[in-house]
PDB file of all heavy atoms in Angstrom:
ATOM      1  N   ARG A   1       0.836  -1.162   0.017  1.00  0.00           N
ATOM      2  CA  ARG A   1      -0.045  -0.017   0.030  1.00  0.00           C
ATOM      3  C   ARG A   1       0.850   1.284   0.040  1.00  0.00           C
ATOM      4  O   ARG A   1       0.507   2.336  -0.521  1.00  0.00           O
ATOM      5  CB  ARG A   1      -0.908   0.033   1.173  1.00  0.00           C
ATOM      6  CG  ARG A   1      -1.874  -1.208   1.385  1.00  0.00           C
ATOM      7  CD  ARG A   1      -2.565  -1.510   0.115  1.00  0.00           C
ATOM      8  NE  ARG A   1      -3.322  -0.438  -0.459  1.00  0.00           N
ATOM      9  CZ  ARG A   1      -3.964  -0.463  -1.574  1.00  0.00           C
ATOM     10  NH1 ARG A   1      -3.965  -1.544  -2.302  1.00  0.00           N
ATOM     11  NH2 ARG A   1      -4.591   0.641  -2.061  1.00  0.00           N
ATOM     12  N   PHE A   2       2.076   1.118   0.606  1.00  0.00           N
ATOM     13  CA  PHE A   2       2.916   2.328   0.645  1.00  0.00           C
ATOM     14  C   PHE A   2       3.683   2.554  -0.563  1.00  0.00           C
ATOM     15  O   PHE A   2       4.367   3.600  -0.764  1.00  0.00           O
ATOM     16  CB  PHE A   2       3.829   2.213   1.883  1.00  0.00           C
ATOM     17  CG  PHE A   2       4.815   1.045   1.852  1.00  0.00           C
ATOM     18  CD1 PHE A   2       5.982   1.144   1.174  1.00  0.00           C
ATOM     19  CD2 PHE A   2       4.527  -0.189   2.474  1.00  0.00           C
ATOM     20  CE1 PHE A   2       6.915   0.075   1.088  1.00  0.00           C
ATOM     21  CE2 PHE A   2       5.356  -1.162   2.431  1.00  0.00           C
ATOM     22  CZ  PHE A   2       6.564  -1.071   1.734  1.00  0.00           C
ATOM     23  N   ALA A   3       3.790   1.503  -1.416  1.00  0.00           N
ATOM     24  CA  ALA A   3       4.619   1.594  -2.660  1.00  0.00           C
ATOM     25  C   ALA A   3       4.009   0.833  -3.796  1.00  0.00           C
ATOM     26  O   ALA A   3       4.723  -0.080  -4.362  1.00  0.00           O
ATOM     27  CB  ALA A   3       6.014   1.178  -2.343  1.00  0.00           C
ATOM     28  N   LEU A   4       2.783   1.007  -4.112  1.00  0.00           N
ATOM     29  CA  LEU A   4       2.126   0.150  -5.130  1.00  0.00           C
ATOM     30  C   LEU A   4       2.867   0.218  -6.453  1.00  0.00           C
ATOM     31  O   LEU A   4       3.004   1.311  -7.013  1.00  0.00           O
ATOM     32  CB  LEU A   4       0.664   0.656  -5.288  1.00  0.00           C
ATOM     33  CG  LEU A   4      -0.190  -0.172  -6.295  1.00  0.00           C
ATOM     34  CD1 LEU A   4      -0.334  -1.638  -5.848  1.00  0.00           C
ATOM     35  CD2 LEU A   4      -1.512   0.479  -6.496  1.00  0.00           C
ATOM     36  N   ALA A   5       3.446  -0.914  -6.828  1.00  0.00           N
ATOM     37  CA  ALA A   5       4.141  -1.061  -8.045  1.00  0.00           C
ATOM     38  C   ALA A   5       5.383  -0.181  -8.187  1.00  0.00           C
ATOM     39  O   ALA A   5       5.887   0.033  -9.287  1.00  0.00           O
ATOM     40  CB  ALA A   5       3.276  -0.815  -9.231  1.00  0.00           C
ATOM     41  N   VAL A   6       5.869   0.339  -7.048  1.00  0.00           N
ATOM     42  CA  VAL A   6       7.105   1.185  -7.048  1.00  0.00           C
ATOM     43  C   VAL A   6       8.321   0.234  -6.683  1.00  0.00           C
ATOM     44  O   VAL A   6       8.195  -0.471  -5.605  1.00  0.00           O
ATOM     45  CB  VAL A   6       7.006   2.352  -6.086  1.00  0.00           C
ATOM     46  CG1 VAL A   6       8.358   3.072  -6.061  1.00  0.00           C
ATOM     47  CG2 VAL A   6       5.884   3.244  -6.478  1.00  0.00           C
ATOM     48  N   ASP A   7       9.284   0.175  -7.403  1.00  0.00           N
ATOM     49  CA  ASP A   7      10.487  -0.633  -7.151  1.00  0.00           C
ATOM     50  C   ASP A   7      11.642   0.312  -6.775  1.00  0.00           C
ATOM     51  O   ASP A   7      11.712   1.445  -7.204  1.00  0.00           O
ATOM     52  CB  ASP A   7      10.860  -1.445  -8.413  1.00  0.00           C
ATOM     53  CG  ASP A   7       9.733  -2.362  -8.883  1.00  0.00           C
ATOM     54  OD1 ASP A   7       8.941  -2.804  -8.044  1.00  0.00           O
ATOM     55  OD2 ASP A   7       9.725  -2.616 -10.074  1.00  0.00           O
ATOM     56  N   ILE A   8      12.575  -0.256  -6.006  1.00  0.00           N
ATOM     57  CA  ILE A   8      13.732   0.442  -5.659  1.00  0.00           C
ATOM     58  C   ILE A   8      14.961  -0.257  -6.422  1.00  0.00           C
ATOM     59  O   ILE A   8      15.128  -1.413  -6.266  1.00  0.00           O
ATOM     60  CB  ILE A   8      14.017   0.407  -4.121  1.00  0.00           C
ATOM     61  CG1 ILE A   8      12.910   1.187  -3.369  1.00  0.00           C
ATOM     62  CG2 ILE A   8      15.402   0.984  -3.796  1.00  0.00           C
ATOM     63  CD1 ILE A   8      12.760   2.679  -3.740  1.00  0.00           C
ATOM     64  N   LEU A   9      15.735   0.498  -7.141  1.00  0.00           N
ATOM     65  CA  LEU A   9      16.906   0.042  -7.829  1.00  0.00           C
ATOM     66  C   LEU A   9      18.167   0.612  -7.201  1.00  0.00           C
ATOM     67  O   LEU A   9      18.296   1.869  -7.100  1.00  0.00           O
ATOM     68  CB  LEU A   9      16.820   0.410  -9.265  1.00  0.00           C
ATOM     69  CG  LEU A   9      18.121   0.161 -10.148  1.00  0.00           C
ATOM     70  CD1 LEU A   9      18.545  -1.285 -10.107  1.00  0.00           C
ATOM     71  CD2 LEU A   9      17.999   0.697 -11.569  1.00  0.00           C
ATOM     72  N   LEU A  10      19.046  -0.279  -6.726  1.00  0.00           N
ATOM     73  CA  LEU A  10      20.328   0.225  -6.295  1.00  0.00           C
ATOM     74  C   LEU A  10      21.416  -0.355  -7.212  1.00  0.00           C
ATOM     75  O   LEU A  10      21.544  -1.614  -7.348  1.00  0.00           O
ATOM     76  CB  LEU A  10      20.624  -0.353  -4.859  1.00  0.00           C
ATOM     77  CG  LEU A  10      22.034  -0.107  -4.259  1.00  0.00           C
ATOM     78  CD1 LEU A  10      22.370   1.309  -4.186  1.00  0.00           C
ATOM     79  CD2 LEU A  10      22.113  -0.771  -2.954  1.00  0.00           C
ATOM     80  N   ALA A  11      22.042   0.511  -7.897  1.00  0.00           N
ATOM     81  CA  ALA A  11      23.037   0.132  -8.954  1.00  0.00           C
ATOM     82  C   ALA A  11      24.145   1.224  -9.008  1.00  0.00           C
ATOM     83  O   ALA A  11      23.775   2.379  -9.050  1.00  0.00           O
ATOM     84  CB  ALA A  11      22.416  -0.041 -10.237  1.00  0.00           C
ATOM     85  N   GLY A  12      25.390   0.756  -9.029  1.00  0.00           N
ATOM     86  CA  GLY A  12      26.429   1.734  -9.152  1.00  0.00           C
ATOM     87  C   GLY A  12      26.439   2.715  -8.006  1.00  0.00           C
ATOM     88  O   GLY A  12      27.019   3.853  -8.182  1.00  0.00           O
ATOM     89  N   GLY A  13      25.985   2.221  -6.797  1.00  0.00           N
ATOM     90  CA  GLY A  13      26.008   3.160  -5.643  1.00  0.00           C
ATOM     91  C   GLY A  13      24.844   4.100  -5.620  1.00  0.00           C
ATOM     92  O   GLY A  13      24.762   4.882  -4.626  1.00  0.00           O
ATOM     93  N   ASN A  14      24.030   4.162  -6.629  1.00  0.00           N
ATOM     94  CA  ASN A  14      22.882   5.097  -6.686  1.00  0.00           C
ATOM     95  C   ASN A  14      21.607   4.388  -6.395  1.00  0.00           C
ATOM     96  O   ASN A  14      21.417   3.241  -6.910  1.00  0.00           O
ATOM     97  CB  ASN A  14      22.796   5.775  -8.093  1.00  0.00           C
ATOM     98  CG  ASN A  14      24.012   6.571  -8.439  1.00  0.00           C
ATOM     99  OD1 ASN A  14      24.533   7.389  -7.527  1.00  0.00           O
ATOM    100  ND2 ASN A  14      24.584   6.425  -9.585  1.00  0.00           N
ATOM    101  N   VAL A  15      20.699   5.012  -5.660  1.00  0.00           N
ATOM    102  CA  VAL A  15      19.394   4.470  -5.360  1.00  0.00           C
ATOM    103  C   VAL A  15      18.301   5.288  -6.119  1.00  0.00           C
ATOM    104  O   VAL A  15      18.291   6.536  -6.144  1.00  0.00           O
ATOM    105  CB  VAL A  15      19.079   4.512  -3.881  1.00  0.00           C
ATOM    106  CG1 VAL A  15      17.681   4.038  -3.568  1.00  0.00           C
ATOM    107  CG2 VAL A  15      20.080   3.795  -3.056  1.00  0.00           C
ATOM    108  N   GLN A  16      17.488   4.518  -6.848  1.00  0.00           N
ATOM    109  CA  GLN A  16      16.407   5.167  -7.640  1.00  0.00           C
ATOM    110  C   GLN A  16      15.094   4.565  -7.371  1.00  0.00           C
ATOM    111  O   GLN A  16      14.987   3.367  -7.045  1.00  0.00           O
ATOM    112  CB  GLN A  16      16.719   4.985  -9.118  1.00  0.00           C
ATOM    113  CG  GLN A  16      18.077   5.475  -9.595  1.00  0.00           C
ATOM    114  CD  GLN A  16      18.301   5.036 -11.009  1.00  0.00           C
ATOM    115  OE1 GLN A  16      17.498   5.257 -11.958  1.00  0.00           O
ATOM    116  NE2 GLN A  16      19.456   4.315 -11.339  1.00  0.00           N
ATOM    117  N   GLU A  17      14.037   5.357  -7.438  1.00  0.00           N
ATOM    118  CA  GLU A  17      12.645   4.872  -7.294  1.00  0.00           C
ATOM    119  C   GLU A  17      12.155   4.688  -8.699  1.00  0.00           C
ATOM    120  O   GLU A  17      12.151   5.624  -9.524  1.00  0.00           O
ATOM    121  CB  GLU A  17      11.790   5.835  -6.512  1.00  0.00           C
ATOM    122  CG  GLU A  17      12.103   5.950  -5.099  1.00  0.00           C
ATOM    123  CD  GLU A  17      11.193   6.934  -4.355  1.00  0.00           C
ATOM    124  OE1 GLU A  17      10.136   7.296  -4.966  1.00  0.00           O
ATOM    125  OE2 GLU A  17      11.429   7.278  -3.226  1.00  0.00           O
ATOM    126  N   LEU A  18      11.685   3.497  -9.027  1.00  0.00           N
ATOM    127  CA  LEU A  18      11.228   3.168 -10.383  1.00  0.00           C
ATOM    128  C   LEU A  18       9.648   3.105 -10.290  1.00  0.00           C
ATOM    129  O   LEU A  18       9.130   2.149  -9.616  1.00  0.00           O
ATOM    130  CB  LEU A  18      11.747   1.907 -10.917  1.00  0.00           C
ATOM    131  CG  LEU A  18      13.317   1.810 -11.011  1.00  0.00           C
ATOM    132  CD1 LEU A  18      13.714   0.485 -11.619  1.00  0.00           C
ATOM    133  CD2 LEU A  18      13.872   2.988 -11.767  1.00  0.00           C
ATOM    134  N   ARG A  19       8.982   3.999 -10.929  1.00  0.00           N
ATOM    135  CA  ARG A  19       7.516   4.073 -10.912  1.00  0.00           C
ATOM    136  C   ARG A  19       6.969   3.538 -12.206  1.00  0.00           C
ATOM    137  O   ARG A  19       7.518   3.846 -13.239  1.00  0.00           O
ATOM    138  CB  ARG A  19       7.042   5.423 -10.580  1.00  0.00           C
ATOM    139  CG  ARG A  19       7.485   5.858  -9.192  1.00  0.00           C
ATOM    140  CD  ARG A  19       6.964   7.230  -8.717  1.00  0.00           C
ATOM    141  NE  ARG A  19       7.354   7.597  -7.385  1.00  0.00           N
ATOM    142  CZ  ARG A  19       6.756   7.166  -6.281  1.00  0.00           C
ATOM    143  NH1 ARG A  19       5.569   6.501  -6.438  1.00  0.00           N
ATOM    144  NH2 ARG A  19       7.182   7.440  -5.133  1.00  0.00           N
ATOM    145  N   PRO A  20       5.863   2.817 -12.186  1.00  0.00           N
ATOM    146  CA  PRO A  20       5.351   2.329 -13.473  1.00  0.00           C
ATOM    147  C   PRO A  20       4.763   3.398 -14.385  1.00  0.00           C
ATOM    148  O   PRO A  20       4.366   4.515 -13.934  1.00  0.00           O
ATOM    149  CB  PRO A  20       4.208   1.392 -13.014  1.00  0.00           C
ATOM    150  CG  PRO A  20       3.703   2.006 -11.723  1.00  0.00           C
ATOM    151  CD  PRO A  20       4.993   2.578 -11.067  1.00  0.00           C
ATOM    152  N   GLU A  21       4.783   3.152 -15.688  1.00  0.00           N
ATOM    153  CA  GLU A  21       4.217   4.074 -16.610  1.00  0.00           C
ATOM    154  C   GLU A  21       2.667   3.944 -16.637  1.00  0.00           C
ATOM    155  O   GLU A  21       2.157   2.873 -16.535  1.00  0.00           O
ATOM    156  CB  GLU A  21       4.779   3.776 -17.995  1.00  0.00           C
ATOM    157  CG  GLU A  21       4.454   2.419 -18.536  1.00  0.00           C
ATOM    158  CD  GLU A  21       4.874   2.218 -19.982  1.00  0.00           C
ATOM    159  OE1 GLU A  21       5.711   2.977 -20.463  1.00  0.00           O
ATOM    160  OE2 GLU A  21       4.268   1.296 -20.607  1.00  0.00           O
ATOM    161  N   GLY A  22       2.017   5.044 -16.720  1.00  0.00           N
ATOM    162  CA  GLY A  22       0.567   5.017 -16.920  1.00  0.00           C
ATOM    163  C   GLY A  22      -0.212   4.518 -15.695  1.00  0.00           C
ATOM    164  O   GLY A  22       0.381   4.476 -14.568  1.00  0.00           O
ATOM    165  N   GLU A  23      -1.391   4.114 -15.908  1.00  0.00           N
ATOM    166  CA  GLU A  23      -2.314   3.684 -14.801  1.00  0.00           C
ATOM    167  C   GLU A  23      -1.783   2.342 -14.264  1.00  0.00           C
ATOM    168  O   GLU A  23      -1.433   1.449 -15.001  1.00  0.00           O
ATOM    169  CB  GLU A  23      -3.691   3.553 -15.298  1.00  0.00           C
ATOM    170  CG  GLU A  23      -4.760   3.241 -14.248  1.00  0.00           C
ATOM    171  CD  GLU A  23      -6.110   3.092 -14.786  1.00  0.00           C
ATOM    172  OE1 GLU A  23      -6.304   3.358 -16.023  1.00  0.00           O
ATOM    173  OE2 GLU A  23      -7.060   2.751 -14.078  1.00  0.00           O
ATOM    174  N   VAL A  24      -1.898   2.148 -12.930  1.00  0.00           N
ATOM    175  CA  VAL A  24      -1.509   0.953 -12.283  1.00  0.00           C
ATOM    176  C   VAL A  24      -2.762   0.101 -12.121  1.00  0.00           C
ATOM    177  O   VAL A  24      -3.807   0.527 -11.496  1.00  0.00           O
ATOM    178  CB  VAL A  24      -0.899   1.229 -10.924  1.00  0.00           C
ATOM    179  CG1 VAL A  24      -0.567  -0.185 -10.152  1.00  0.00           C
ATOM    180  CG2 VAL A  24       0.406   2.000 -11.038  1.00  0.00           C
ATOM    181  N   TYR A  25      -2.657  -1.141 -12.552  1.00  0.00           N
ATOM    182  CA  TYR A  25      -3.818  -2.040 -12.381  1.00  0.00           C
ATOM    183  C   TYR A  25      -3.515  -2.956 -11.211  1.00  0.00           C
ATOM    184  O   TYR A  25      -2.630  -3.717 -11.181  1.00  0.00           O
ATOM    185  CB  TYR A  25      -3.916  -2.928 -13.720  1.00  0.00           C
ATOM    186  CG  TYR A  25      -4.482  -2.195 -14.840  1.00  0.00           C
ATOM    187  CD1 TYR A  25      -3.706  -1.169 -15.492  1.00  0.00           C
ATOM    188  CD2 TYR A  25      -5.699  -2.426 -15.333  1.00  0.00           C
ATOM    189  CE1 TYR A  25      -4.266  -0.463 -16.591  1.00  0.00           C
ATOM    190  CE2 TYR A  25      -6.302  -1.823 -16.444  1.00  0.00           C
ATOM    191  CZ  TYR A  25      -5.534  -0.748 -17.037  1.00  0.00           C
ATOM    192  OH  TYR A  25      -6.005  -0.106 -18.119  1.00  0.00           O
ATOM    193  N   GLU A  26      -4.406  -2.858 -10.247  1.00  0.00           N
ATOM    194  CA  GLU A  26      -4.271  -3.700  -9.035  1.00  0.00           C
ATOM    195  C   GLU A  26      -4.922  -5.051  -9.331  1.00  0.00           C
ATOM    196  O   GLU A  26      -6.056  -5.339  -9.043  1.00  0.00           O
ATOM    197  CB  GLU A  26      -4.964  -3.026  -7.824  1.00  0.00           C
ATOM    198  CG  GLU A  26      -4.229  -1.885  -7.223  1.00  0.00           C
ATOM    199  CD  GLU A  26      -4.726  -1.562  -5.872  1.00  0.00           C
ATOM    200  OE1 GLU A  26      -4.543  -2.376  -4.915  1.00  0.00           O
ATOM    201  OE2 GLU A  26      -5.369  -0.403  -5.717  1.00  0.00           O
ATOM    202  N   ARG A  27      -4.069  -5.922  -9.868  1.00  0.00           N
ATOM    203  CA  ARG A  27      -4.511  -7.260 -10.188  1.00  0.00           C
ATOM    204  C   ARG A  27      -3.452  -8.208  -9.794  1.00  0.00           C
ATOM    205  O   ARG A  27      -2.263  -7.941 -10.006  1.00  0.00           O
ATOM    206  CB  ARG A  27      -5.001  -7.359 -11.665  1.00  0.00           C
ATOM    207  CG  ARG A  27      -3.871  -7.031 -12.643  1.00  0.00           C
ATOM    208  CD  ARG A  27      -4.406  -6.891 -14.057  1.00  0.00           C
ATOM    209  NE  ARG A  27      -5.356  -7.779 -14.540  1.00  0.00           N
ATOM    210  CZ  ARG A  27      -5.813  -7.808 -15.761  1.00  0.00           C
ATOM    211  NH1 ARG A  27      -5.399  -6.893 -16.607  1.00  0.00           N
ATOM    212  NH2 ARG A  27      -6.678  -8.720 -16.097  1.00  0.00           N
ATOM    213  N   SER A  28      -3.813  -9.408  -9.402  1.00  0.00           N
ATOM    214  CA  SER A  28      -2.868 -10.382  -8.999  1.00  0.00           C
ATOM    215  C   SER A  28      -2.591 -11.268 -10.200  1.00  0.00           C
ATOM    216  O   SER A  28      -3.475 -12.052 -10.672  1.00  0.00           O
ATOM    217  CB  SER A  28      -3.337 -11.245  -7.826  1.00  0.00           C
ATOM    218  OG  SER A  28      -2.373 -12.030  -7.318  1.00  0.00           O
ATOM    219  N   VAL A  29      -1.363 -11.235 -10.782  1.00  0.00           N
ATOM    220  CA  VAL A  29      -1.050 -11.958 -11.993  1.00  0.00           C
ATOM    221  C   VAL A  29       0.070 -13.033 -11.622  1.00  0.00           C
ATOM    222  O   VAL A  29       1.027 -12.707 -10.933  1.00  0.00           O
ATOM    223  CB  VAL A  29      -0.587 -11.056 -13.050  1.00  0.00           C
ATOM    224  CG1 VAL A  29      -0.062 -11.804 -14.282  1.00  0.00           C
ATOM    225  CG2 VAL A  29      -1.772 -10.139 -13.473  1.00  0.00           C
ATOM    226  N   HIS A  30      -0.137 -14.208 -12.178  1.00  0.00           N
ATOM    227  CA  HIS A  30       0.859 -15.347 -11.945  1.00  0.00           C
ATOM    228  C   HIS A  30       2.114 -15.172 -12.712  1.00  0.00           C
ATOM    229  O   HIS A  30       2.100 -14.856 -13.945  1.00  0.00           O
ATOM    230  CB  HIS A  30       0.071 -16.601 -12.319  1.00  0.00           C
ATOM    231  CG  HIS A  30       0.817 -17.890 -12.150  1.00  0.00           C
ATOM    232  ND1 HIS A  30       1.354 -18.196 -10.945  1.00  0.00           N
ATOM    233  CD2 HIS A  30       1.083 -18.913 -12.959  1.00  0.00           C
ATOM    234  CE1 HIS A  30       1.957 -19.363 -11.031  1.00  0.00           C
ATOM    235  NE2 HIS A  30       1.793 -19.811 -12.231  1.00  0.00           N
ATOM    236  N   GLY A  31       3.266 -15.348 -12.096  1.00  0.00           N
ATOM    237  CA  GLY A  31       4.500 -15.439 -12.842  1.00  0.00           C
ATOM    238  C   GLY A  31       5.153 -14.079 -13.118  1.00  0.00           C
ATOM    239  O   GLY A  31       6.088 -14.064 -13.929  1.00  0.00           O
ATOM    240  N   THR A  32       4.729 -13.072 -12.430  1.00  0.00           N
ATOM    241  CA  THR A  32       5.337 -11.767 -12.703  1.00  0.00           C
ATOM    242  C   THR A  32       6.758 -11.632 -12.336  1.00  0.00           C
ATOM    243  O   THR A  32       7.550 -10.958 -13.026  1.00  0.00           O
ATOM    244  CB  THR A  32       4.506 -10.648 -12.006  1.00  0.00           C
ATOM    245  OG1 THR A  32       4.437 -10.958 -10.637  1.00  0.00           O
ATOM    246  CG2 THR A  32       3.082 -10.524 -12.566  1.00  0.00           C
ATOM    247  N   GLY A  33       7.121 -12.228 -11.173  1.00  0.00           N
ATOM    248  CA  GLY A  33       8.562 -12.206 -10.763  1.00  0.00           C
ATOM    249  C   GLY A  33       9.507 -12.933 -11.786  1.00  0.00           C
ATOM    250  O   GLY A  33      10.554 -12.429 -12.010  1.00  0.00           O
ATOM    251  N   CYS A  34       8.975 -14.056 -12.178  1.00  0.00           N
ATOM    252  CA  CYS A  34       9.749 -14.819 -13.214  1.00  0.00           C
ATOM    253  C   CYS A  34      10.003 -13.961 -14.445  1.00  0.00           C
ATOM    254  O   CYS A  34      11.070 -13.899 -14.999  1.00  0.00           O
ATOM    255  CB  CYS A  34       9.082 -16.092 -13.521  1.00  0.00           C
ATOM    256  SG  CYS A  34       8.733 -17.173 -12.137  1.00  0.00           S
ATOM    257  N   THR A  35       8.821 -13.419 -14.940  1.00  0.00           N
ATOM    258  CA  THR A  35       8.860 -12.691 -16.177  1.00  0.00           C
ATOM    259  C   THR A  35       9.731 -11.421 -16.092  1.00  0.00           C
ATOM    260  O   THR A  35      10.476 -11.201 -17.042  1.00  0.00           O
ATOM    261  CB  THR A  35       7.371 -12.275 -16.586  1.00  0.00           C
ATOM    262  OG1 THR A  35       6.687 -13.468 -16.754  1.00  0.00           O
ATOM    263  CG2 THR A  35       7.379 -11.403 -17.846  1.00  0.00           C
ATOM    264  N   PHE A  36       9.629 -10.667 -14.986  1.00  0.00           N
ATOM    265  CA  PHE A  36      10.405  -9.498 -14.787  1.00  0.00           C
ATOM    266  C   PHE A  36      11.906  -9.823 -14.832  1.00  0.00           C
ATOM    267  O   PHE A  36      12.723  -9.160 -15.516  1.00  0.00           O
ATOM    268  CB  PHE A  36      10.053  -8.840 -13.534  1.00  0.00           C
ATOM    269  CG  PHE A  36      10.861  -7.602 -13.100  1.00  0.00           C
ATOM    270  CD1 PHE A  36      10.793  -6.476 -13.955  1.00  0.00           C
ATOM    271  CD2 PHE A  36      11.575  -7.549 -11.972  1.00  0.00           C
ATOM    272  CE1 PHE A  36      11.568  -5.359 -13.586  1.00  0.00           C
ATOM    273  CE2 PHE A  36      12.295  -6.432 -11.596  1.00  0.00           C
ATOM    274  CZ  PHE A  36      12.281  -5.322 -12.445  1.00  0.00           C
ATOM    275  N   SER A  37      12.335 -10.868 -14.033  1.00  0.00           N
ATOM    276  CA  SER A  37      13.767 -11.140 -13.983  1.00  0.00           C
ATOM    277  C   SER A  37      14.306 -11.720 -15.344  1.00  0.00           C
ATOM    278  O   SER A  37      15.362 -11.472 -15.723  1.00  0.00           O
ATOM    279  CB  SER A  37      14.049 -12.213 -12.897  1.00  0.00           C
ATOM    280  OG  SER A  37      13.269 -13.397 -13.009  1.00  0.00           O
ATOM    281  N   ALA A  38      13.369 -12.495 -16.062  1.00  0.00           N
ATOM    282  CA  ALA A  38      13.813 -12.998 -17.372  1.00  0.00           C
ATOM    283  C   ALA A  38      13.941 -11.890 -18.265  1.00  0.00           C
ATOM    284  O   ALA A  38      14.878 -11.826 -19.242  1.00  0.00           O
ATOM    285  CB  ALA A  38      12.766 -13.975 -17.857  1.00  0.00           C
ATOM    286  N   ALA A  39      13.103 -10.789 -18.250  1.00  0.00           N
ATOM    287  CA  ALA A  39      13.219  -9.648 -19.160  1.00  0.00           C
ATOM    288  C   ALA A  39      14.489  -8.896 -18.886  1.00  0.00           C
ATOM    289  O   ALA A  39      15.077  -8.415 -19.807  1.00  0.00           O
ATOM    290  CB  ALA A  39      12.011  -8.728 -18.915  1.00  0.00           C
ATOM    291  N   ILE A  40      14.878  -8.780 -17.616  1.00  0.00           N
ATOM    292  CA  ILE A  40      16.124  -8.099 -17.286  1.00  0.00           C
ATOM    293  C   ILE A  40      17.288  -8.966 -17.936  1.00  0.00           C
ATOM    294  O   ILE A  40      18.181  -8.346 -18.515  1.00  0.00           O
ATOM    295  CB  ILE A  40      16.352  -8.040 -15.731  1.00  0.00           C
ATOM    296  CG1 ILE A  40      15.375  -7.081 -15.094  1.00  0.00           C
ATOM    297  CG2 ILE A  40      17.777  -7.524 -15.462  1.00  0.00           C
ATOM    298  CD1 ILE A  40      15.379  -7.114 -13.644  1.00  0.00           C
ATOM    299  N   ALA A  41      17.294 -10.271 -17.802  1.00  0.00           N
ATOM    300  CA  ALA A  41      18.266 -11.100 -18.354  1.00  0.00           C
ATOM    301  C   ALA A  41      18.370 -10.969 -19.879  1.00  0.00           C
ATOM    302  O   ALA A  41      19.451 -10.836 -20.506  1.00  0.00           O
ATOM    303  CB  ALA A  41      18.098 -12.582 -17.954  1.00  0.00           C
TER     304      ALA A  41
END
């Protein structure tokens, strides 16, 4: 509730808040963590 869809990235000694683009959909979707990490890879 305090950070809906907001991620914290720490890289190169810098901390950034990553906020989603557009409207945030509050829905529970299966496999999001797998998909996100695979997309980074």
